[in-house]
Every structure is written in structure tokens, then in C-alpha cells.
Amino acid sequence: PWFAPFFGTLALTGGQLFGEKWYPLTSNCGFLILIISILLLMTEIDKDMVASEEFTDYLGQVAKKGDAISVRHVMEENTRDDGNDDIIGDNSTSGTINENELAETGMT
């Protein structure tokens, strides 16, 4: 489909090569074929634009989901919960966990 205008151009050029008797018919046919080939190309361009828009929407949804499940987002929620000592530990204000707390959670 992307080569359709090339064939339309060849038809337009071929339509110009005939003599006076056939010139009006072949010239108009060549021009008509060129216009049809451009219209076919426009339908392909429309399909690509729709696909690009759908892909952009998909990437936006992936970014939102990535932000929702990111570690940073989870850690920010956990620091807001004052009663959640199992995850953050006693040092919730500093954001660090000492070695004893790591041993208790089994993350050594």
C-alpha cells in the first residue's frame, strides 16, 4: 500500500504518452488511478494514526500501573501508617532498618 502512489504516478505518466485520439481517455484514466492510489495511501495513514494513538494510551496505562506498584509508592504509604511497625520497624522516622530488625524479618 505504501507503493500505491508510485504506481499511480506510472499510470499518470503512461496516460500522457498516447496520441491525440487516445490522449483524453488515457490522461484522465491515469489521473484517476493516481487519485485512487493516494486515497488508498490515506487509509493506511489513518490506520497507522489509530495504532499510534492506541499504543500511546497503552503506554500511559503501563506508566500509571508502574507508579501504583512501585517500591517508592509502597514505602511512602508505609511511612504514613504509624502503626505498621512490622514493615518499617522502630526507626520509621529515619527510614533505616538496623541489623537486628533484618534478622527478625529474615531478610539478611
N, C-alpha and C. Protein backbone atom coordinates (compact mmCIF):
# COMPACT_ATOMS: atom_id res chain seq x y z
N PRO A 1 0.79 -1.22 0.00
CA PRO A 1 0.00 0.00 0.00
C PRO A 1 0.83 1.28 0.00
N TRP A 2 2.02 1.23 0.59
CA TRP A 2 2.83 2.45 0.61
C TRP A 2 3.41 2.75 -0.77
N PHE A 3 3.43 1.76 -1.66
CA PHE A 3 3.94 1.99 -3.01
C PHE A 3 2.83 2.37 -3.99
N ALA A 4 1.62 2.46 -3.52
CA ALA A 4 0.49 2.77 -4.40
C ALA A 4 0.68 4.10 -5.16
N PRO A 5 1.16 5.17 -4.53
CA PRO A 5 1.36 6.41 -5.30
C PRO A 5 2.41 6.26 -6.41
N PHE A 6 3.36 5.36 -6.22
CA PHE A 6 4.35 5.12 -7.28
C PHE A 6 3.66 4.56 -8.52
N PHE A 7 2.78 3.58 -8.31
CA PHE A 7 2.06 3.01 -9.45
C PHE A 7 1.08 4.01 -10.05
N GLY A 8 0.49 4.84 -9.20
CA GLY A 8 -0.38 5.91 -9.70
C GLY A 8 0.39 6.90 -10.56
N THR A 9 1.62 7.19 -10.14
CA THR A 9 2.46 8.10 -10.93
C THR A 9 2.83 7.47 -12.26
N LEU A 10 3.12 6.17 -12.24
CA LEU A 10 3.41 5.47 -13.51
C LEU A 10 2.19 5.50 -14.43
N ALA A 11 0.99 5.31 -13.87
CA ALA A 11 -0.23 5.35 -14.69
C ALA A 11 -0.45 6.74 -15.25
N LEU A 12 -0.18 7.77 -14.46
CA LEU A 12 -0.32 9.15 -14.94
C LEU A 12 0.67 9.43 -16.06
N THR A 13 1.90 8.97 -15.89
CA THR A 13 2.91 9.16 -16.94
C THR A 13 2.54 8.38 -18.19
N GLY A 14 2.09 7.15 -18.01
CA GLY A 14 1.69 6.34 -19.16
C GLY A 14 0.50 6.94 -19.90
N GLY A 15 -0.38 7.59 -19.17
CA GLY A 15 -1.54 8.22 -19.81
C GLY A 15 -1.17 9.40 -20.66
N GLN A 16 -0.02 9.98 -20.44
CA GLN A 16 0.43 11.14 -21.21
C GLN A 16 1.14 10.75 -22.52
N LEU A 17 1.44 9.48 -22.71
CA LEU A 17 2.25 9.05 -23.85
C LEU A 17 1.46 8.77 -25.13
N PHE A 18 0.15 8.74 -25.07
CA PHE A 18 -0.65 8.37 -26.24
C PHE A 18 -0.91 9.58 -27.12
N GLY A 19 -1.35 9.28 -28.33
CA GLY A 19 -1.60 10.33 -29.33
C GLY A 19 -2.90 11.08 -29.05
N GLU A 20 -3.22 11.97 -30.00
CA GLU A 20 -4.37 12.86 -29.83
C GLU A 20 -5.69 12.10 -29.71
N LYS A 21 -5.81 10.98 -30.41
CA LYS A 21 -7.06 10.25 -30.38
C LYS A 21 -7.33 9.63 -29.01
N TRP A 22 -6.32 9.06 -28.40
CA TRP A 22 -6.47 8.36 -27.11
C TRP A 22 -6.07 9.22 -25.92
N TYR A 23 -5.48 10.37 -26.16
CA TYR A 23 -4.96 11.19 -25.07
C TYR A 23 -6.02 11.57 -24.03
N PRO A 24 -7.20 12.08 -24.38
CA PRO A 24 -8.17 12.47 -23.34
C PRO A 24 -8.57 11.29 -22.44
N LEU A 25 -8.76 10.13 -23.01
CA LEU A 25 -9.16 8.97 -22.23
C LEU A 25 -8.00 8.47 -21.35
N THR A 26 -6.83 8.28 -21.92
CA THR A 26 -5.71 7.73 -21.15
C THR A 26 -5.20 8.72 -20.10
N SER A 27 -5.21 10.01 -20.44
CA SER A 27 -4.77 11.02 -19.47
C SER A 27 -5.70 11.04 -18.27
N ASN A 28 -7.00 11.03 -18.51
CA ASN A 28 -7.96 11.04 -17.41
C ASN A 28 -7.92 9.73 -16.61
N CYS A 29 -7.73 8.61 -17.28
CA CYS A 29 -7.60 7.33 -16.56
C CYS A 29 -6.34 7.32 -15.68
N GLY A 30 -5.25 7.82 -16.19
CA GLY A 30 -4.02 7.91 -15.41
C GLY A 30 -4.18 8.80 -14.19
N PHE A 31 -4.86 9.94 -14.39
CA PHE A 31 -5.11 10.85 -13.28
C PHE A 31 -6.03 10.19 -12.25
N LEU A 32 -7.05 9.47 -12.71
CA LEU A 32 -7.97 8.78 -11.81
C LEU A 32 -7.25 7.70 -11.00
N ILE A 33 -6.37 6.96 -11.65
CA ILE A 33 -5.60 5.93 -10.95
C ILE A 33 -4.69 6.56 -9.90
N LEU A 34 -4.09 7.70 -10.21
CA LEU A 34 -3.24 8.40 -9.24
C LEU A 34 -4.07 8.83 -8.03
N ILE A 35 -5.24 9.38 -8.24
CA ILE A 35 -6.09 9.83 -7.13
C ILE A 35 -6.51 8.63 -6.28
N ILE A 36 -6.88 7.53 -6.91
CA ILE A 36 -7.27 6.32 -6.17
C ILE A 36 -6.10 5.80 -5.34
N SER A 37 -4.90 5.83 -5.92
CA SER A 37 -3.74 5.35 -5.18
C SER A 37 -3.44 6.24 -3.97
N ILE A 38 -3.66 7.53 -4.10
CA ILE A 38 -3.46 8.44 -2.96
C ILE A 38 -4.52 8.18 -1.89
N LEU A 39 -5.75 7.91 -2.29
CA LEU A 39 -6.80 7.59 -1.32
C LEU A 39 -6.48 6.29 -0.57
N LEU A 40 -5.95 5.30 -1.28
CA LEU A 40 -5.53 4.06 -0.62
C LEU A 40 -4.43 4.33 0.40
N LEU A 41 -3.52 5.20 0.05
CA LEU A 41 -2.45 5.56 0.98
C LEU A 41 -3.02 6.28 2.21
N MET A 42 -4.01 7.12 2.01
CA MET A 42 -4.61 7.82 3.15
C MET A 42 -5.28 6.85 4.12
N THR A 43 -5.89 5.78 3.63
CA THR A 43 -6.49 4.80 4.54
C THR A 43 -5.41 4.12 5.38
N GLU A 44 -4.26 3.85 4.78
CA GLU A 44 -3.15 3.26 5.54
C GLU A 44 -2.61 4.23 6.58
N ILE A 45 -2.54 5.50 6.23
CA ILE A 45 -2.08 6.51 7.19
C ILE A 45 -3.06 6.61 8.36
N ASP A 46 -4.35 6.56 8.07
CA ASP A 46 -5.35 6.59 9.14
C ASP A 46 -5.19 5.39 10.08
N LYS A 47 -4.93 4.21 9.52
CA LYS A 47 -4.72 3.03 10.35
C LYS A 47 -3.50 3.20 11.25
N ASP A 48 -2.42 3.75 10.71
CA ASP A 48 -1.21 3.97 11.50
C ASP A 48 -1.44 4.99 12.60
N MET A 49 -2.22 6.03 12.31
CA MET A 49 -2.51 7.04 13.33
C MET A 49 -3.33 6.44 14.47
N VAL A 50 -4.30 5.59 14.15
CA VAL A 50 -5.11 4.94 15.19
C VAL A 50 -4.23 4.00 16.01
N ALA A 51 -3.37 3.24 15.35
CA ALA A 51 -2.47 2.33 16.06
C ALA A 51 -1.52 3.11 16.97
N SER A 52 -1.04 4.23 16.51
CA SER A 52 -0.15 5.06 17.32
C SER A 52 -0.88 5.60 18.54
N GLU A 53 -2.12 6.01 18.36
CA GLU A 53 -2.91 6.53 19.48
C GLU A 53 -3.19 5.43 20.50
N GLU A 54 -3.52 4.23 20.02
CA GLU A 54 -3.77 3.12 20.93
C GLU A 54 -2.50 2.75 21.70
N PHE A 55 -1.36 2.78 21.03
CA PHE A 55 -0.09 2.46 21.69
C PHE A 55 0.26 3.51 22.73
N THR A 56 -0.03 4.78 22.43
CA THR A 56 0.22 5.85 23.39
C THR A 56 -0.66 5.67 24.62
N ASP A 57 -1.92 5.31 24.42
CA ASP A 57 -2.81 5.04 25.55
C ASP A 57 -2.30 3.87 26.38
N TYR A 58 -1.83 2.83 25.71
CA TYR A 58 -1.30 1.66 26.40
C TYR A 58 -0.09 2.05 27.25
N LEU A 59 0.82 2.83 26.69
CA LEU A 59 2.00 3.24 27.45
C LEU A 59 1.61 4.09 28.65
N GLY A 60 0.59 4.92 28.51
CA GLY A 60 0.12 5.72 29.64
C GLY A 60 -0.44 4.84 30.74
N GLN A 61 -1.18 3.80 30.37
CA GLN A 61 -1.72 2.88 31.36
C GLN A 61 -0.61 2.09 32.05
N VAL A 62 0.41 1.70 31.29
CA VAL A 62 1.54 0.99 31.88
C VAL A 62 2.28 1.90 32.87
N ALA A 63 2.45 3.16 32.52
CA ALA A 63 3.12 4.09 33.43
C ALA A 63 2.33 4.28 34.71
N LYS A 64 1.01 4.40 34.61
CA LYS A 64 0.18 4.54 35.81
C LYS A 64 0.26 3.30 36.68
N LYS A 65 0.22 2.12 36.05
CA LYS A 65 0.31 0.88 36.82
C LYS A 65 1.69 0.74 37.45
N GLY A 66 2.72 1.14 36.73
CA GLY A 66 4.07 1.09 37.29
C GLY A 66 4.22 2.01 38.48
N ASP A 67 3.62 3.19 38.40
CA ASP A 67 3.65 4.11 39.54
C ASP A 67 2.87 3.55 40.72
N ALA A 68 1.77 2.86 40.44
CA ALA A 68 0.93 2.32 41.51
C ALA A 68 1.62 1.19 42.27
N ILE A 69 2.45 0.40 41.58
CA ILE A 69 3.06 -0.74 42.24
C ILE A 69 4.54 -0.53 42.52
N SER A 70 5.05 0.65 42.33
CA SER A 70 6.46 0.89 42.55
C SER A 70 6.80 0.80 44.03
N VAL A 71 8.04 0.45 44.31
CA VAL A 71 8.51 0.32 45.69
C VAL A 71 8.45 1.66 46.39
N ARG A 72 8.79 2.70 45.71
CA ARG A 72 8.78 4.03 46.31
C ARG A 72 7.37 4.39 46.78
N HIS A 73 6.38 4.09 45.95
CA HIS A 73 4.99 4.38 46.30
C HIS A 73 4.57 3.57 47.53
N VAL A 74 4.95 2.31 47.59
CA VAL A 74 4.61 1.46 48.72
C VAL A 74 5.30 1.95 49.98
N MET A 75 6.56 2.34 49.86
CA MET A 75 7.30 2.84 51.03
C MET A 75 6.71 4.14 51.55
N GLU A 76 6.25 5.01 50.65
CA GLU A 76 5.62 6.25 51.09
C GLU A 76 4.33 5.97 51.84
N GLU A 77 3.55 5.00 51.39
CA GLU A 77 2.32 4.63 52.10
C GLU A 77 2.64 4.04 53.46
N ASN A 78 3.71 3.23 53.54
CA ASN A 78 4.06 2.60 54.81
C ASN A 78 4.57 3.62 55.82
N THR A 79 5.25 4.64 55.38
CA THR A 79 5.73 5.65 56.33
C THR A 79 4.58 6.50 56.84
N ARG A 80 3.49 6.57 56.12
CA ARG A 80 2.32 7.30 56.59
C ARG A 80 1.57 6.53 57.67
N ASP A 81 1.64 5.19 57.63
CA ASP A 81 0.98 4.35 58.63
C ASP A 81 1.87 4.28 59.86
N ASP A 82 1.46 4.94 60.93
CA ASP A 82 2.26 4.94 62.15
C ASP A 82 2.21 3.60 62.86
N GLY A 83 1.15 2.85 62.73
CA GLY A 83 1.00 1.60 63.45
C GLY A 83 1.59 0.40 62.75
N ASN A 84 2.25 0.53 61.65
CA ASN A 84 2.76 -0.59 60.88
C ASN A 84 4.23 -0.81 61.19
N ASP A 85 4.52 -1.30 62.40
CA ASP A 85 5.90 -1.48 62.83
C ASP A 85 6.54 -2.72 62.26
N ASP A 86 5.75 -3.68 61.76
CA ASP A 86 6.33 -4.90 61.24
C ASP A 86 7.13 -4.66 59.97
N ILE A 87 6.71 -3.73 59.17
CA ILE A 87 7.40 -3.48 57.91
C ILE A 87 8.51 -2.46 58.09
N ILE A 88 8.22 -1.40 58.81
CA ILE A 88 9.19 -0.31 58.89
C ILE A 88 10.11 -0.46 60.09
N GLY A 89 9.63 -0.93 61.19
CA GLY A 89 10.46 -1.08 62.37
C GLY A 89 10.36 0.15 63.26
N ASP A 90 11.22 0.18 64.26
CA ASP A 90 11.19 1.28 65.23
C ASP A 90 11.78 2.56 64.68
N ASN A 91 12.61 2.48 63.65
CA ASN A 91 13.28 3.65 63.09
C ASN A 91 12.50 4.23 61.94
N SER A 92 11.19 4.37 62.07
CA SER A 92 10.37 4.81 60.96
C SER A 92 10.64 6.26 60.57
N THR A 93 11.16 7.05 61.49
CA THR A 93 11.44 8.44 61.14
C THR A 93 12.70 8.58 60.32
N SER A 94 13.67 7.70 60.54
CA SER A 94 14.91 7.81 59.79
C SER A 94 14.87 7.05 58.47
N GLY A 95 13.95 6.08 58.37
CA GLY A 95 13.85 5.32 57.14
C GLY A 95 14.87 4.22 57.02
N THR A 96 15.61 3.90 58.12
CA THR A 96 16.61 2.84 58.07
C THR A 96 16.19 1.70 58.98
N ILE A 97 16.68 0.53 58.68
CA ILE A 97 16.40 -0.66 59.48
C ILE A 97 17.75 -1.19 59.95
N ASN A 98 17.87 -1.47 61.26
CA ASN A 98 19.15 -1.96 61.76
C ASN A 98 19.26 -3.46 61.52
N GLU A 99 20.42 -4.04 61.86
CA GLU A 99 20.69 -5.45 61.57
C GLU A 99 19.79 -6.38 62.38
N ASN A 100 19.43 -6.01 63.59
CA ASN A 100 18.55 -6.87 64.40
C ASN A 100 17.17 -6.98 63.78
N GLU A 101 16.67 -5.88 63.25
CA GLU A 101 15.36 -5.91 62.61
C GLU A 101 15.38 -6.74 61.34
N LEU A 102 16.51 -6.69 60.60
CA LEU A 102 16.64 -7.50 59.40
C LEU A 102 16.66 -8.98 59.76
N ALA A 103 17.33 -9.32 60.87
CA ALA A 103 17.39 -10.71 61.29
C ALA A 103 16.02 -11.22 61.69
N GLU A 104 15.22 -10.36 62.33
CA GLU A 104 13.87 -10.75 62.73
C GLU A 104 12.96 -11.03 61.54
N THR A 105 13.14 -10.26 60.48
CA THR A 105 12.28 -10.42 59.31
C THR A 105 12.81 -11.48 58.36
N GLY A 106 14.03 -11.97 58.58
CA GLY A 106 14.60 -12.99 57.72
C GLY A 106 15.15 -12.44 56.43
N MET A 107 15.50 -11.17 56.39
CA MET A 107 15.98 -10.53 55.16
C MET A 107 17.50 -10.34 55.16
N THR A 108 18.24 -11.13 55.94
CA THR A 108 19.70 -10.98 55.98
C THR A 108 20.36 -11.70 54.87
